[in-house]
Amino acid sequence: MAQVRFFAAAEEAVGSSQLTVDAATLAALTAALRDDHPKLAEILPRCSVLVDGARVDDSWPLGGDAVVDVLPPFAGG
């Protein structure tokens, strides 16, 4: 199961800073998140999604110890 961490508006949309999700690939994980959290589905297309700190393709296989970060665009500087 992958550990998914949410930041800023993504955390607000989900109502939690992290969840554990069982998914074989990044595409399956993001689909499950969209289905389970409609508010997140609205902003997810604009988010950066990193697996173990790296940008990867949606077909990337997720190991049981994967850490997935969902980072919405940040404003300011």
Protein backbone atom coordinates (compact mmCIF):
# COMPACT_ATOMS: atom_id res chain seq x y z
CA MET A 1 0.00 0.00 0.00
CA ALA A 2 1.27 3.45 -0.89
CA GLN A 3 1.41 6.25 1.65
CA VAL A 4 -0.13 9.36 0.05
CA ARG A 5 0.66 12.77 1.52
CA PHE A 6 -1.42 15.84 0.71
CA PHE A 7 -0.34 19.46 0.97
CA ALA A 8 -2.15 22.82 1.03
CA ALA A 9 -5.40 22.78 -1.02
CA ALA A 10 -5.08 19.04 -1.66
CA GLU A 11 -5.05 18.39 2.08
CA GLU A 12 -8.10 20.60 2.48
CA ALA A 13 -9.94 18.81 -0.34
CA VAL A 14 -9.28 15.37 1.17
CA GLY A 15 -9.70 16.41 4.80
CA SER A 16 -6.49 14.68 5.84
CA SER A 17 -2.76 15.17 5.47
CA GLN A 18 -2.20 11.55 4.49
CA LEU A 19 -3.91 8.32 3.50
CA THR A 20 -2.88 4.79 2.69
CA VAL A 21 -4.06 3.62 -0.73
CA ASP A 22 -3.78 0.17 -2.30
CA ALA A 23 -2.99 0.62 -6.00
CA ALA A 24 -0.70 -1.14 -8.46
CA THR A 25 0.21 1.95 -10.51
CA LEU A 26 0.18 5.71 -10.16
CA ALA A 27 -2.74 5.86 -12.62
CA ALA A 28 -4.77 3.47 -10.47
CA LEU A 29 -3.95 5.48 -7.36
CA THR A 30 -5.01 8.82 -8.85
CA ALA A 31 -8.20 7.25 -10.23
CA ALA A 32 -9.06 5.93 -6.75
CA LEU A 33 -8.38 9.35 -5.23
CA ARG A 34 -10.64 11.06 -7.79
CA ASP A 35 -13.43 8.56 -7.13
CA ASP A 36 -13.18 8.78 -3.34
CA HIS A 37 -12.62 12.55 -3.03
CA PRO A 38 -14.65 14.64 -5.50
CA LYS A 39 -13.18 17.92 -4.24
CA LEU A 40 -9.68 16.61 -4.91
CA ALA A 41 -10.76 15.53 -8.41
CA GLU A 42 -11.36 19.20 -9.22
CA ILE A 43 -7.77 20.25 -8.46
CA LEU A 44 -5.81 17.05 -9.12
CA PRO A 45 -5.16 17.86 -12.81
CA ARG A 46 -3.23 20.97 -11.69
CA CYS A 47 -1.26 19.17 -8.98
CA SER A 48 2.25 17.79 -9.15
CA VAL A 49 2.28 14.16 -8.11
CA LEU A 50 5.63 12.75 -7.02
CA VAL A 51 6.52 9.16 -6.18
CA ASP A 52 9.41 8.89 -3.75
CA GLY A 53 10.34 12.48 -4.59
CA ALA A 54 10.40 12.09 -8.38
CA ARG A 55 8.02 12.85 -11.24
CA VAL A 56 7.08 9.59 -12.93
CA ASP A 57 4.75 8.36 -15.66
CA ASP A 58 1.19 7.31 -14.77
CA SER A 59 2.10 3.71 -15.57
CA TRP A 60 4.75 3.72 -12.80
CA PRO A 61 4.33 0.65 -10.57
CA LEU A 62 3.85 1.43 -6.90
CA GLY A 63 5.67 -0.72 -4.39
CA GLY A 64 4.29 -1.33 -0.94
CA ASP A 65 6.60 1.27 0.57
CA ALA A 66 5.99 4.03 -2.01
CA VAL A 67 5.45 7.57 -0.77
CA VAL A 68 3.29 9.69 -3.07
CA ASP A 69 3.10 13.44 -2.60
CA VAL A 70 0.20 15.48 -4.02
CA LEU A 71 1.31 19.09 -4.36
CA PRO A 72 -1.10 21.72 -5.68
CA PRO A 73 0.30 24.86 -7.30
CA PHE A 74 1.63 27.26 -4.68
CA ALA A 75 1.24 31.02 -4.90
CA GLY A 76 3.55 33.63 -3.54
CA GLY A 77 7.26 33.61 -3.17
